[in-house]
Amino acid sequence: MEVRLEPETESRLNELAAKTGRPADELVEDAMAGYLDRYLEQEARFTEAVQKGIASADRGDLLDHDEVVARIEKRFGS
């Protein structure tokens, strides 16, 4: 996989790599690991929720506008 960085970001990365004696690609991997894991989990949950919504709509399980407003008001107050 290849990652494109802005020139300024790449320069800063290379400076840090030189100062720490660690390869730049290792620094990028470490930085991305935690963020990417969270991002992928969030995207998977979102995709699943969308698929459930589409399946619900395909079955005709829909709420009209007034029902949605009533549920929001009940949950969050008006």
C-alpha atoms as a PDB file:
ATOM      1  CA  MET A   1       0.000   0.000   0.000  1.00  0.00           C
ATOM      2  CA  GLU A   2       1.160   3.470  -0.718  1.00  0.00           C
ATOM      3  CA  VAL A   3       0.262   6.581   1.293  1.00  0.00           C
ATOM      4  CA  ARG A   4       0.568  10.066  -0.150  1.00  0.00           C
ATOM      5  CA  LEU A   5       1.495  12.821   2.267  1.00  0.00           C
ATOM      6  CA  GLU A   6       1.637  16.556   1.872  1.00  0.00           C
ATOM      7  CA  PRO A   7       5.253  17.680   1.423  1.00  0.00           C
ATOM      8  CA  GLU A   8       5.282  19.478   4.783  1.00  0.00           C
ATOM      9  CA  THR A   9       3.922  16.417   6.584  1.00  0.00           C
ATOM     10  CA  GLU A  10       6.443  14.164   4.878  1.00  0.00           C
ATOM     11  CA  SER A  11       9.252  16.518   5.839  1.00  0.00           C
ATOM     12  CA  ARG A  12       8.159  16.516   9.482  1.00  0.00           C
ATOM     13  CA  LEU A  13       7.879  12.732   9.405  1.00  0.00           C
ATOM     14  CA  ASN A  14      11.380  12.384   7.996  1.00  0.00           C
ATOM     15  CA  GLU A  15      12.749  14.757  10.630  1.00  0.00           C
ATOM     16  CA  LEU A  16      11.163  12.697  13.401  1.00  0.00           C
ATOM     17  CA  ALA A  17      12.464   9.481  11.850  1.00  0.00           C
ATOM     18  CA  ALA A  18      15.975  10.914  11.768  1.00  0.00           C
ATOM     19  CA  LYS A  19      15.766  12.132  15.369  1.00  0.00           C
ATOM     20  CA  THR A  20      14.397   8.851  16.708  1.00  0.00           C
ATOM     21  CA  GLY A  21      16.391   6.508  14.504  1.00  0.00           C
ATOM     22  CA  ARG A  22      13.196   4.745  13.470  1.00  0.00           C
ATOM     23  CA  PRO A  23      12.126   4.177   9.872  1.00  0.00           C
ATOM     24  CA  ALA A  24       9.470   6.604   8.636  1.00  0.00           C
ATOM     25  CA  ASP A  25       7.184   3.765   7.549  1.00  0.00           C
ATOM     26  CA  GLU A  26       7.309   2.322  11.075  1.00  0.00           C
ATOM     27  CA  LEU A  27       6.301   5.687  12.538  1.00  0.00           C
ATOM     28  CA  VAL A  28       3.381   5.905  10.106  1.00  0.00           C
ATOM     29  CA  GLU A  29       2.281   2.357  10.947  1.00  0.00           C
ATOM     30  CA  ASP A  30       2.350   3.109  14.678  1.00  0.00           C
ATOM     31  CA  ALA A  31       0.450   6.368  14.215  1.00  0.00           C
ATOM     32  CA  MET A  32      -2.190   4.818  11.993  1.00  0.00           C
ATOM     33  CA  ALA A  33      -2.767   1.598  13.925  1.00  0.00           C
ATOM     34  CA  GLY A  34      -4.974   2.993  16.676  1.00  0.00           C
ATOM     35  CA  TYR A  35      -6.772   5.532  14.527  1.00  0.00           C
ATOM     36  CA  LEU A  36      -7.402   3.129  11.684  1.00  0.00           C
ATOM     37  CA  ASP A  37      -8.747   0.413  13.968  1.00  0.00           C
ATOM     38  CA  ARG A  38     -11.268   2.834  15.489  1.00  0.00           C
ATOM     39  CA  TYR A  39     -12.205   4.217  12.079  1.00  0.00           C
ATOM     40  CA  LEU A  40     -12.772   0.761  10.600  1.00  0.00           C
ATOM     41  CA  GLU A  41     -14.904  -0.312  13.575  1.00  0.00           C
ATOM     42  CA  GLN A  42     -17.007   2.848  13.327  1.00  0.00           C
ATOM     43  CA  GLU A  43     -17.477   2.420   9.578  1.00  0.00           C
ATOM     44  CA  ALA A  44     -18.476  -1.240  10.042  1.00  0.00           C
ATOM     45  CA  ARG A  45     -21.122  -0.260  12.633  1.00  0.00           C
ATOM     46  CA  PHE A  46     -22.428   2.506  10.381  1.00  0.00           C
ATOM     47  CA  THR A  47     -22.603   0.202   7.355  1.00  0.00           C
ATOM     48  CA  GLU A  48     -24.456  -2.427   9.395  1.00  0.00           C
ATOM     49  CA  ALA A  49     -26.968   0.176  10.621  1.00  0.00           C
ATOM     50  CA  VAL A  50     -27.574   1.395   7.078  1.00  0.00           C
ATOM     51  CA  GLN A  51     -28.094  -2.171   5.853  1.00  0.00           C
ATOM     52  CA  LYS A  52     -30.600  -2.791   8.666  1.00  0.00           C
ATOM     53  CA  GLY A  53     -32.419   0.402   7.704  1.00  0.00           C
ATOM     54  CA  ILE A  54     -32.584  -0.593   4.060  1.00  0.00           C
ATOM     55  CA  ALA A  55     -33.881  -4.056   4.978  1.00  0.00           C
ATOM     56  CA  SER A  56     -36.492  -2.459   7.231  1.00  0.00           C
ATOM     57  CA  ALA A  57     -37.588  -0.117   4.445  1.00  0.00           C
ATOM     58  CA  ASP A  58     -37.746  -3.030   1.989  1.00  0.00           C
ATOM     59  CA  ARG A  59     -40.139  -4.774   4.411  1.00  0.00           C
ATOM     60  CA  GLY A  60     -42.242  -1.622   4.614  1.00  0.00           C
ATOM     61  CA  ASP A  61     -41.357  -0.961   8.252  1.00  0.00           C
ATOM     62  CA  LEU A  62     -41.342   2.813   7.967  1.00  0.00           C
ATOM     63  CA  LEU A  63     -42.464   5.681  10.182  1.00  0.00           C
ATOM     64  CA  ASP A  64     -44.198   8.744   8.852  1.00  0.00           C
ATOM     65  CA  HIS A  65     -42.923  12.208   9.679  1.00  0.00           C
ATOM     66  CA  ASP A  66     -45.322  12.797  12.573  1.00  0.00           C
ATOM     67  CA  GLU A  67     -44.289   9.532  14.242  1.00  0.00           C
ATOM     68  CA  VAL A  68     -40.619  10.445  13.959  1.00  0.00           C
ATOM     69  CA  VAL A  69     -41.217  13.892  15.451  1.00  0.00           C
ATOM     70  CA  ALA A  70     -43.258  12.379  18.311  1.00  0.00           C
ATOM     71  CA  ARG A  71     -40.478   9.904  19.127  1.00  0.00           C
ATOM     72  CA  ILE A  72     -37.835  12.629  19.084  1.00  0.00           C
ATOM     73  CA  GLU A  73     -39.912  14.855  21.338  1.00  0.00           C
ATOM     74  CA  LYS A  74     -40.574  11.977  23.712  1.00  0.00           C
ATOM     75  CA  ARG A  75     -36.894  11.104  23.916  1.00  0.00           C
ATOM     76  CA  PHE A  76     -35.401  14.599  24.041  1.00  0.00           C
ATOM     77  CA  GLY A  77     -38.315  16.739  25.178  1.00  0.00           C
ATOM     78  CA  SER A  78     -39.745  19.649  23.269  1.00  0.00           C
END
